[in-house]
Amino acid sequence: MGIEKDIEFKVGRRSIDGTIRLSAHPPQLLQLSVCYKGERASSVILTHDQVKSLMEALAGLEQSMENASEASEEWDSNERRLDGSSEENSRKTA
């Protein structure tokens, strides 16, 4: 059995919104967990093929966002840092 690796992203516009955590379970599984305002909302296990499909879907959505003719509202992703810290919106652990 391999070593597990976690990556956590802070999401939303405010510091209290939530997180998404990705936990690799080698060789073929990935756990995706969502927390909202400090409470775990959901968790799913994805196979390697499902991870590839999710990545393709996200890439397509990202392209659509880039091609949008109007920006709905400009916002700085660092505005969530209400405590003044310079920590980035994601954290990797081994």
PDB file of N, CA and C in Angstrom:
ATOM      1  N   MET A   1       0.826  -1.172   0.000  1.00  0.00           N
ATOM      2  CA  MET A   1       0.000   0.000   0.000  1.00  0.00           C
ATOM      3  C   MET A   1       0.874   1.240   0.000  1.00  0.00           C
ATOM      4  N   GLY A   2       0.481   2.283  -0.767  1.00  0.00           N
ATOM      5  CA  GLY A   2       1.285   3.482  -0.930  1.00  0.00           C
ATOM      6  C   GLY A   2       1.049   4.498   0.172  1.00  0.00           C
ATOM      7  N   ILE A   3       1.772   5.593   0.057  1.00  0.00           N
ATOM      8  CA  ILE A   3       1.650   6.696   1.001  1.00  0.00           C
ATOM      9  C   ILE A   3       0.475   7.580   0.591  1.00  0.00           C
ATOM     10  N   GLU A   4      -0.351   7.973   1.547  1.00  0.00           N
ATOM     11  CA  GLU A   4      -1.476   8.858   1.265  1.00  0.00           C
ATOM     12  C   GLU A   4      -0.978  10.296   1.185  1.00  0.00           C
ATOM     13  N   LYS A   5      -1.629  11.085   0.325  1.00  0.00           N
ATOM     14  CA  LYS A   5      -1.282  12.491   0.188  1.00  0.00           C
ATOM     15  C   LYS A   5      -2.568  13.309   0.146  1.00  0.00           C
ATOM     16  N   ASP A   6      -2.607  14.409   0.895  1.00  0.00           N
ATOM     17  CA  ASP A   6      -3.787  15.264   0.959  1.00  0.00           C
ATOM     18  C   ASP A   6      -3.477  16.645   0.399  1.00  0.00           C
ATOM     19  N   ILE A   7      -4.459  17.219  -0.290  1.00  0.00           N
ATOM     20  CA  ILE A   7      -4.391  18.598  -0.752  1.00  0.00           C
ATOM     21  C   ILE A   7      -5.715  19.243  -0.347  1.00  0.00           C
ATOM     22  N   GLU A   8      -5.634  20.394   0.296  1.00  0.00           N
ATOM     23  CA  GLU A   8      -6.841  21.081   0.747  1.00  0.00           C
ATOM     24  C   GLU A   8      -6.884  22.483   0.142  1.00  0.00           C
ATOM     25  N   PHE A   9      -8.042  22.847  -0.427  1.00  0.00           N
ATOM     26  CA  PHE A   9      -8.259  24.156  -1.025  1.00  0.00           C
ATOM     27  C   PHE A   9      -9.313  24.894  -0.215  1.00  0.00           C
ATOM     28  N   LYS A  10      -9.041  26.145   0.096  1.00  0.00           N
ATOM     29  CA  LYS A  10     -10.075  26.989   0.688  1.00  0.00           C
ATOM     30  C   LYS A  10     -10.879  27.559  -0.471  1.00  0.00           C
ATOM     31  N   VAL A  11     -12.191  27.491  -0.372  1.00  0.00           N
ATOM     32  CA  VAL A  11     -13.055  27.902  -1.473  1.00  0.00           C
ATOM     33  C   VAL A  11     -14.083  28.930  -1.010  1.00  0.00           C
ATOM     34  N   GLY A  12     -14.601  29.659  -1.964  1.00  0.00           N
ATOM     35  CA  GLY A  12     -15.596  30.679  -1.676  1.00  0.00           C
ATOM     36  C   GLY A  12     -14.968  32.047  -1.581  1.00  0.00           C
ATOM     37  N   ARG A  13     -15.817  33.017  -1.420  1.00  0.00           N
ATOM     38  CA  ARG A  13     -15.357  34.402  -1.378  1.00  0.00           C
ATOM     39  C   ARG A  13     -14.999  34.878   0.024  1.00  0.00           C
ATOM     40  N   ARG A  14     -15.483  34.210   1.039  1.00  0.00           N
ATOM     41  CA  ARG A  14     -15.226  34.629   2.413  1.00  0.00           C
ATOM     42  C   ARG A  14     -14.457  33.543   3.162  1.00  0.00           C
ATOM     43  N   SER A  15     -13.793  33.935   4.224  1.00  0.00           N
ATOM     44  CA  SER A  15     -12.961  32.986   4.972  1.00  0.00           C
ATOM     45  C   SER A  15     -13.766  31.882   5.632  1.00  0.00           C
ATOM     46  N   ILE A  16     -15.064  32.072   5.809  1.00  0.00           N
ATOM     47  CA  ILE A  16     -15.870  31.058   6.491  1.00  0.00           C
ATOM     48  C   ILE A  16     -16.596  30.130   5.522  1.00  0.00           C
ATOM     49  N   ASP A  17     -16.387  30.279   4.215  1.00  0.00           N
ATOM     50  CA  ASP A  17     -17.158  29.516   3.237  1.00  0.00           C
ATOM     51  C   ASP A  17     -16.903  28.016   3.303  1.00  0.00           C
ATOM     52  N   GLY A  18     -15.708  27.567   3.019  1.00  0.00           N
ATOM     53  CA  GLY A  18     -15.497  26.127   3.073  1.00  0.00           C
ATOM     54  C   GLY A  18     -14.172  25.674   2.495  1.00  0.00           C
ATOM     55  N   THR A  19     -14.043  24.355   2.381  1.00  0.00           N
ATOM     56  CA  THR A  19     -12.833  23.742   1.847  1.00  0.00           C
ATOM     57  C   THR A  19     -13.199  22.539   0.978  1.00  0.00           C
ATOM     58  N   ILE A  20     -12.289  22.218   0.087  1.00  0.00           N
ATOM     59  CA  ILE A  20     -12.345  20.971  -0.674  1.00  0.00           C
ATOM     60  C   ILE A  20     -11.038  20.257  -0.376  1.00  0.00           C
ATOM     61  N   ARG A  21     -11.127  18.999  -0.007  1.00  0.00           N
ATOM     62  CA  ARG A  21      -9.931  18.209   0.302  1.00  0.00           C
ATOM     63  C   ARG A  21      -9.865  17.027  -0.644  1.00  0.00           C
ATOM     64  N   LEU A  22      -8.685  16.833  -1.233  1.00  0.00           N
ATOM     65  CA  LEU A  22      -8.417  15.681  -2.086  1.00  0.00           C
ATOM     66  C   LEU A  22      -7.428  14.786  -1.353  1.00  0.00           C
ATOM     67  N   SER A  23      -7.773  13.522  -1.198  1.00  0.00           N
ATOM     68  CA  SER A  23      -6.908  12.563  -0.515  1.00  0.00           C
ATOM     69  C   SER A  23      -6.642  11.394  -1.454  1.00  0.00           C
ATOM     70  N   ALA A  24      -5.386  11.238  -1.844  1.00  0.00           N
ATOM     71  CA  ALA A  24      -5.005  10.148  -2.736  1.00  0.00           C
ATOM     72  C   ALA A  24      -4.852   8.863  -1.937  1.00  0.00           C
ATOM     73  N   HIS A  25      -5.435   7.798  -2.471  1.00  0.00           N
ATOM     74  CA  HIS A  25      -5.308   6.465  -1.897  1.00  0.00           C
ATOM     75  C   HIS A  25      -4.768   5.562  -2.999  1.00  0.00           C
ATOM     76  N   PRO A  26      -3.423   5.596  -3.192  1.00  0.00           N
ATOM     77  CA  PRO A  26      -2.819   4.850  -4.302  1.00  0.00           C
ATOM     78  C   PRO A  26      -3.158   3.369  -4.230  1.00  0.00           C
ATOM     79  N   PRO A  27      -3.221   2.679  -5.353  1.00  0.00           N
ATOM     80  CA  PRO A  27      -2.820   3.199  -6.655  1.00  0.00           C
ATOM     81  C   PRO A  27      -3.961   3.768  -7.495  1.00  0.00           C
ATOM     82  N   GLN A  28      -5.217   3.550  -7.160  1.00  0.00           N
ATOM     83  CA  GLN A  28      -6.292   3.876  -8.100  1.00  0.00           C
ATOM     84  C   GLN A  28      -7.427   4.733  -7.559  1.00  0.00           C
ATOM     85  N   LEU A  29      -7.383   5.194  -6.314  1.00  0.00           N
ATOM     86  CA  LEU A  29      -8.539   5.888  -5.754  1.00  0.00           C
ATOM     87  C   LEU A  29      -8.171   7.282  -5.249  1.00  0.00           C
ATOM     88  N   LEU A  30      -9.158   8.170  -5.308  1.00  0.00           N
ATOM     89  CA  LEU A  30      -9.033   9.527  -4.804  1.00  0.00           C
ATOM     90  C   LEU A  30     -10.310   9.864  -4.035  1.00  0.00           C
ATOM     91  N   GLN A  31     -10.158  10.381  -2.841  1.00  0.00           N
ATOM     92  CA  GLN A  31     -11.317  10.808  -2.057  1.00  0.00           C
ATOM     93  C   GLN A  31     -11.439  12.313  -2.183  1.00  0.00           C
ATOM     94  N   LEU A  32     -12.651  12.788  -2.509  1.00  0.00           N
ATOM     95  CA  LEU A  32     -12.950  14.206  -2.615  1.00  0.00           C
ATOM     96  C   LEU A  32     -13.953  14.540  -1.518  1.00  0.00           C
ATOM     97  N   SER A  33     -13.557  15.435  -0.613  1.00  0.00           N
ATOM     98  CA  SER A  33     -14.415  15.816   0.503  1.00  0.00           C
ATOM     99  C   SER A  33     -14.695  17.307   0.444  1.00  0.00           C
ATOM    100  N   VAL A  34     -15.926  17.683   0.749  1.00  0.00           N
ATOM    101  CA  VAL A  34     -16.343  19.085   0.740  1.00  0.00           C
ATOM    102  C   VAL A  34     -16.810  19.455   2.142  1.00  0.00           C
ATOM    103  N   CYS A  35     -16.317  20.574   2.649  1.00  0.00           N
ATOM    104  CA  CYS A  35     -16.758  21.116   3.929  1.00  0.00           C
ATOM    105  C   CYS A  35     -17.327  22.500   3.687  1.00  0.00           C
ATOM    106  N   TYR A  36     -18.412  22.807   4.373  1.00  0.00           N
ATOM    107  CA  TYR A  36     -19.042  24.113   4.242  1.00  0.00           C
ATOM    108  C   TYR A  36     -19.240  24.704   5.627  1.00  0.00           C
ATOM    109  N   LYS A  37     -18.635  25.853   5.843  1.00  0.00           N
ATOM    110  CA  LYS A  37     -18.725  26.555   7.133  1.00  0.00           C
ATOM    111  C   LYS A  37     -18.371  25.641   8.300  1.00  0.00           C
ATOM    112  N   GLY A  38     -17.289  24.884   8.116  1.00  0.00           N
ATOM    113  CA  GLY A  38     -16.777  24.049   9.185  1.00  0.00           C
ATOM    114  C   GLY A  38     -17.412  22.683   9.342  1.00  0.00           C
ATOM    115  N   GLU A  39     -18.446  22.379   8.567  1.00  0.00           N
ATOM    116  CA  GLU A  39     -19.105  21.080   8.665  1.00  0.00           C
ATOM    117  C   GLU A  39     -18.917  20.298   7.374  1.00  0.00           C
ATOM    118  N   ARG A  40     -18.557  19.027   7.506  1.00  0.00           N
ATOM    119  CA  ARG A  40     -18.362  18.188   6.325  1.00  0.00           C
ATOM    120  C   ARG A  40     -19.703  17.977   5.628  1.00  0.00           C
ATOM    121  N   ALA A  41     -19.761  18.382   4.363  1.00  0.00           N
ATOM    122  CA  ALA A  41     -21.011  18.286   3.618  1.00  0.00           C
ATOM    123  C   ALA A  41     -21.106  16.969   2.861  1.00  0.00           C
ATOM    124  N   SER A  42     -20.002  16.521   2.280  1.00  0.00           N
ATOM    125  CA  SER A  42     -20.054  15.301   1.488  1.00  0.00           C
ATOM    126  C   SER A  42     -18.643  14.781   1.224  1.00  0.00           C
ATOM    127  N   SER A  43     -18.572  13.497   0.899  1.00  0.00           N
ATOM    128  CA  SER A  43     -17.308  12.871   0.558  1.00  0.00           C
ATOM    129  C   SER A  43     -17.588  11.745  -0.432  1.00  0.00           C
ATOM    130  N   VAL A  44     -16.784  11.671  -1.492  1.00  0.00           N
ATOM    131  CA  VAL A  44     -16.940  10.604  -2.481  1.00  0.00           C
ATOM    132  C   VAL A  44     -15.575  10.019  -2.819  1.00  0.00           C
ATOM    133  N   ILE A  45     -15.591   8.770  -3.250  1.00  0.00           N
ATOM    134  CA  ILE A  45     -14.377   8.095  -3.719  1.00  0.00           C
ATOM    135  C   ILE A  45     -14.459   8.023  -5.245  1.00  0.00           C
ATOM    136  N   LEU A  46     -13.383   8.453  -5.917  1.00  0.00           N
ATOM    137  CA  LEU A  46     -13.325   8.440  -7.376  1.00  0.00           C
ATOM    138  C   LEU A  46     -12.255   7.465  -7.855  1.00  0.00           C
ATOM    139  N   THR A  47     -12.556   6.773  -8.955  1.00  0.00           N
ATOM    140  CA  THR A  47     -11.558   5.912  -9.595  1.00  0.00           C
ATOM    141  C   THR A  47     -10.666   6.779 -10.487  1.00  0.00           C
ATOM    142  N   HIS A  48      -9.602   6.204 -10.981  1.00  0.00           N
ATOM    143  CA  HIS A  48      -8.685   6.928 -11.867  1.00  0.00           C
ATOM    144  C   HIS A  48      -9.426   7.466 -13.096  1.00  0.00           C
ATOM    145  N   ASP A  49     -10.276   6.667 -13.706  1.00  0.00           N
ATOM    146  CA  ASP A  49     -11.043   7.115 -14.875  1.00  0.00           C
ATOM    147  C   ASP A  49     -11.996   8.255 -14.518  1.00  0.00           C
ATOM    148  N   GLN A  50     -12.607   8.191 -13.350  1.00  0.00           N
ATOM    149  CA  GLN A  50     -13.505   9.259 -12.921  1.00  0.00           C
ATOM    150  C   GLN A  50     -12.749  10.555 -12.656  1.00  0.00           C
ATOM    151  N   VAL A  51     -11.537  10.450 -12.116  1.00  0.00           N
ATOM    152  CA  VAL A  51     -10.699  11.631 -11.895  1.00  0.00           C
ATOM    153  C   VAL A  51     -10.372  12.285 -13.239  1.00  0.00           C
ATOM    154  N   LYS A  52     -10.020  11.465 -14.242  1.00  0.00           N
ATOM    155  CA  LYS A  52      -9.732  12.021 -15.568  1.00  0.00           C
ATOM    156  C   LYS A  52     -10.957  12.709 -16.156  1.00  0.00           C
ATOM    157  N   SER A  53     -12.137  12.118 -16.004  1.00  0.00           N
ATOM    158  CA  SER A  53     -13.374  12.729 -16.501  1.00  0.00           C
ATOM    159  C   SER A  53     -13.661  14.042 -15.780  1.00  0.00           C
ATOM    160  N   LEU A  54     -13.447  14.074 -14.466  1.00  0.00           N
ATOM    161  CA  LEU A  54     -13.655  15.293 -13.692  1.00  0.00           C
ATOM    162  C   LEU A  54     -12.699  16.396 -14.148  1.00  0.00           C
ATOM    163  N   MET A  55     -11.452  16.040 -14.381  1.00  0.00           N
ATOM    164  CA  MET A  55     -10.464  17.022 -14.852  1.00  0.00           C
ATOM    165  C   MET A  55     -10.855  17.589 -16.214  1.00  0.00           C
ATOM    166  N   GLU A  56     -11.333  16.737 -17.112  1.00  0.00           N
ATOM    167  CA  GLU A  56     -11.771  17.203 -18.432  1.00  0.00           C
ATOM    168  C   GLU A  56     -12.978  18.131 -18.306  1.00  0.00           C
ATOM    169  N   ALA A  57     -13.910  17.777 -17.424  1.00  0.00           N
ATOM    170  CA  ALA A  57     -15.096  18.615 -17.219  1.00  0.00           C
ATOM    171  C   ALA A  57     -14.704  19.976 -16.641  1.00  0.00           C
ATOM    172  N   LEU A  58     -13.799  19.983 -15.677  1.00  0.00           N
ATOM    173  CA  LEU A  58     -13.343  21.249 -15.096  1.00  0.00           C
ATOM    174  C   LEU A  58     -12.609  22.103 -16.122  1.00  0.00           C
ATOM    175  N   ALA A  59     -11.805  21.471 -16.963  1.00  0.00           N
ATOM    176  CA  ALA A  59     -11.086  22.211 -18.011  1.00  0.00           C
ATOM    177  C   ALA A  59     -12.076  22.857 -18.978  1.00  0.00           C
ATOM    178  N   GLY A  60     -13.141  22.127 -19.325  1.00  0.00           N
ATOM    179  CA  GLY A  60     -14.166  22.677 -20.212  1.00  0.00           C
ATOM    180  C   GLY A  60     -14.891  23.850 -19.574  1.00  0.00           C
ATOM    181  N   LEU A  61     -15.210  23.736 -18.295  1.00  0.00           N
ATOM    182  CA  LEU A  61     -15.871  24.829 -17.588  1.00  0.00           C
ATOM    183  C   LEU A  61     -14.954  26.041 -17.458  1.00  0.00           C
ATOM    184  N   GLU A  62     -13.677  25.786 -17.195  1.00  0.00           N
ATOM    185  CA  GLU A  62     -12.717  26.886 -17.096  1.00  0.00           C
ATOM    186  C   GLU A  62     -12.629  27.634 -18.424  1.00  0.00           C
ATOM    187  N   GLN A  63     -12.601  26.887 -19.524  1.00  0.00           N
ATOM    188  CA  GLN A  63     -12.543  27.513 -20.848  1.00  0.00           C
ATOM    189  C   GLN A  63     -13.791  28.355 -21.096  1.00  0.00           C
ATOM    190  N   SER A  64     -14.946  27.857 -20.686  1.00  0.00           N
ATOM    191  CA  SER A  64     -16.190  28.605 -20.834  1.00  0.00           C
ATOM    192  C   SER A  64     -16.156  29.901 -20.031  1.00  0.00           C
ATOM    193  N   MET A  65     -15.589  29.827 -18.842  1.00  0.00           N
ATOM    194  CA  MET A  65     -15.480  31.021 -18.005  1.00  0.00           C
ATOM    195  C   MET A  65     -14.569  32.050 -18.653  1.00  0.00           C
ATOM    196  N   GLU A  66     -13.458  31.592 -19.225  1.00  0.00           N
ATOM    197  CA  GLU A  66     -12.520  32.501 -19.879  1.00  0.00           C
ATOM    198  C   GLU A  66     -13.136  33.148 -21.111  1.00  0.00           C
ATOM    199  N   ASN A  67     -14.012  32.414 -21.792  1.00  0.00           N
ATOM    200  CA  ASN A  67     -14.620  32.915 -23.016  1.00  0.00           C
ATOM    201  C   ASN A  67     -15.872  33.750 -22.785  1.00  0.00           C
ATOM    202  N   ALA A  68     -16.318  33.838 -21.544  1.00  0.00           N
ATOM    203  CA  ALA A  68     -17.534  34.604 -21.257  1.00  0.00           C
ATOM    204  C   ALA A  68     -17.331  36.064 -21.658  1.00  0.00           C
ATOM    205  N   SER A  69     -18.330  36.629 -22.307  1.00  0.00           N
ATOM    206  CA  SER A  69     -18.191  37.994 -22.797  1.00  0.00           C
ATOM    207  C   SER A  69     -18.284  39.032 -21.689  1.00  0.00           C
ATOM    208  N   GLU A  70     -19.017  38.733 -20.619  1.00  0.00           N
ATOM    209  CA  GLU A  70     -19.156  39.678 -19.516  1.00  0.00           C
ATOM    210  C   GLU A  70     -18.704  39.031 -18.221  1.00  0.00           C
ATOM    211  N   ALA A  71     -17.914  39.772 -17.484  1.00  0.00           N
ATOM    212  CA  ALA A  71     -17.540  39.308 -16.143  1.00  0.00           C
ATOM    213  C   ALA A  71     -18.644  39.732 -15.192  1.00  0.00           C
ATOM    214  N   SER A  72     -19.153  38.787 -14.417  1.00  0.00           N
ATOM    215  CA  SER A  72     -20.275  39.101 -13.536  1.00  0.00           C
ATOM    216  C   SER A  72     -19.858  40.050 -12.417  1.00  0.00           C
ATOM    217  N   GLU A  73     -18.723  39.810 -11.813  1.00  0.00           N
ATOM    218  CA  GLU A  73     -18.246  40.668 -10.732  1.00  0.00           C
ATOM    219  C   GLU A  73     -16.771  40.371 -10.526  1.00  0.00           C
ATOM    220  N   GLU A  74     -15.957  41.391 -10.559  1.00  0.00           N
ATOM    221  CA  GLU A  74     -14.527  41.215 -10.317  1.00  0.00           C
ATOM    222  C   GLU A  74     -14.296  41.060  -8.818  1.00  0.00           C
ATOM    223  N   TRP A  75     -13.471  40.088  -8.442  1.00  0.00           N
ATOM    224  CA  TRP A  75     -13.113  39.945  -7.035  1.00  0.00           C
ATOM    225  C   TRP A  75     -11.735  39.335  -6.933  1.00  0.00           C
ATOM    226  N   ASP A  76     -11.033  39.722  -5.901  1.00  0.00           N
ATOM    227  CA  ASP A  76      -9.691  39.256  -5.635  1.00  0.00           C
ATOM    228  C   ASP A  76      -9.789  38.025  -4.739  1.00  0.00           C
ATOM    229  N   SER A  77      -9.238  36.902  -5.209  1.00  0.00           N
ATOM    230  CA  SER A  77      -9.367  35.665  -4.440  1.00  0.00           C
ATOM    231  C   SER A  77      -8.702  35.755  -3.074  1.00  0.00           C
ATOM    232  N   ASN A  78      -7.861  36.756  -2.866  1.00  0.00           N
ATOM    233  CA  ASN A  78      -7.209  36.915  -1.564  1.00  0.00           C
ATOM    234  C   ASN A  78      -8.068  37.674  -0.573  1.00  0.00           C
ATOM    235  N   GLU A  79      -9.244  38.175  -0.983  1.00  0.00           N
ATOM    236  CA  GLU A  79     -10.099  38.923  -0.067  1.00  0.00           C
ATOM    237  C   GLU A  79     -10.583  38.066   1.097  1.00  0.00           C
ATOM    238  N   ARG A  80     -10.527  36.734   0.948  1.00  0.00           N
ATOM    239  CA  ARG A  80     -10.944  35.834   2.019  1.00  0.00           C
ATOM    240  C   ARG A  80      -9.986  35.896   3.197  1.00  0.00           C
ATOM    241  N   ARG A  81      -8.786  36.430   3.004  1.00  0.00           N
ATOM    242  CA  ARG A  81      -7.789  36.499   4.055  1.00  0.00           C
ATOM    243  C   ARG A  81      -8.065  37.677   4.965  1.00  0.00           C
ATOM    244  N   LEU A  82      -9.080  37.559   5.789  1.00  0.00           N
ATOM    245  CA  LEU A  82      -9.479  38.636   6.675  1.00  0.00           C
ATOM    246  C   LEU A  82      -8.523  38.796   7.852  1.00  0.00           C
ATOM    247  N   ASP A  83      -7.706  37.763   8.109  1.00  0.00           N
ATOM    248  CA  ASP A  83      -6.786  37.819   9.244  1.00  0.00           C
ATOM    249  C   ASP A  83      -5.449  38.447   8.882  1.00  0.00           C
ATOM    250  N   GLY A  84      -5.275  38.863   7.604  1.00  0.00           N
ATOM    251  CA  GLY A  84      -4.036  39.509   7.184  1.00  0.00           C
ATOM    252  C   GLY A  84      -2.917  38.554   6.846  1.00  0.00           C
ATOM    253  N   SER A  85      -3.145  37.251   6.924  1.00  0.00           N
ATOM    254  CA  SER A  85      -2.087  36.294   6.611  1.00  0.00           C
ATOM    255  C   SER A  85      -1.860  36.227   5.118  1.00  0.00           C
ATOM    256  N   SER A  86      -0.674  35.831   4.726  1.00  0.00           N
ATOM    257  CA  SER A  86      -0.343  35.721   3.310  1.00  0.00           C
ATOM    258  C   SER A  86      -0.428  34.284   2.822  1.00  0.00           C
ATOM    259  N   GLU A  87      -0.985  33.389   3.626  1.00  0.00           N
ATOM    260  CA  GLU A  87      -1.128  31.974   3.263  1.00  0.00           C
ATOM    261  C   GLU A  87      -1.938  31.855   1.982  1.00  0.00           C
ATOM    262  N   GLU A  88      -1.507  30.974   1.089  1.00  0.00           N
ATOM    263  CA  GLU A  88      -2.219  30.791  -0.159  1.00  0.00           C
ATOM    264  C   GLU A  88      -3.510  30.018   0.069  1.00  0.00           C
ATOM    265  N   ASN A  89      -4.364  29.947  -0.973  1.00  0.00           N
ATOM    266  CA  ASN A  89      -5.663  29.304  -0.851  1.00  0.00           C
ATOM    267  C   ASN A  89      -5.598  27.795  -0.883  1.00  0.00           C
ATOM    268  N   SER A  90      -4.443  27.199  -0.993  1.00  0.00           N
ATOM    269  CA  SER A  90      -4.363  25.747  -0.946  1.00  0.00           C
ATOM    270  C   SER A  90      -3.210  25.323  -0.044  1.00  0.00           C
ATOM    271  N   ARG A  91      -3.318  24.117   0.484  1.00  0.00           N
ATOM    272  CA  ARG A  91      -2.300  23.588   1.381  1.00  0.00           C
ATOM    273  C   ARG A  91      -2.059  22.139   1.001  1.00  0.00           C
ATOM    274  N   LYS A  92      -0.785  21.753   0.872  1.00  0.00           N
ATOM    275  CA  LYS A  92      -0.447  20.380   0.536  1.00  0.00           C
ATOM    276  C   LYS A  92       0.226  19.746   1.735  1.00  0.00           C
ATOM    277  N   THR A  93      -0.119  18.503   2.001  1.00  0.00           N
ATOM    278  CA  THR A  93       0.517  17.755   3.070  1.00  0.00           C
ATOM    279  C   THR A  93       0.942  16.397   2.535  1.00  0.00           C
ATOM    280  N   ALA A  94       1.968  15.852   3.104  1.00  0.00           N
ATOM    281  CA  ALA A  94       2.431  14.531   2.669  1.00  0.00           C
ATOM    282  C   ALA A  94       2.008  13.497   3.657  1.00  0.00           C
TER     283      ALA A  94
END
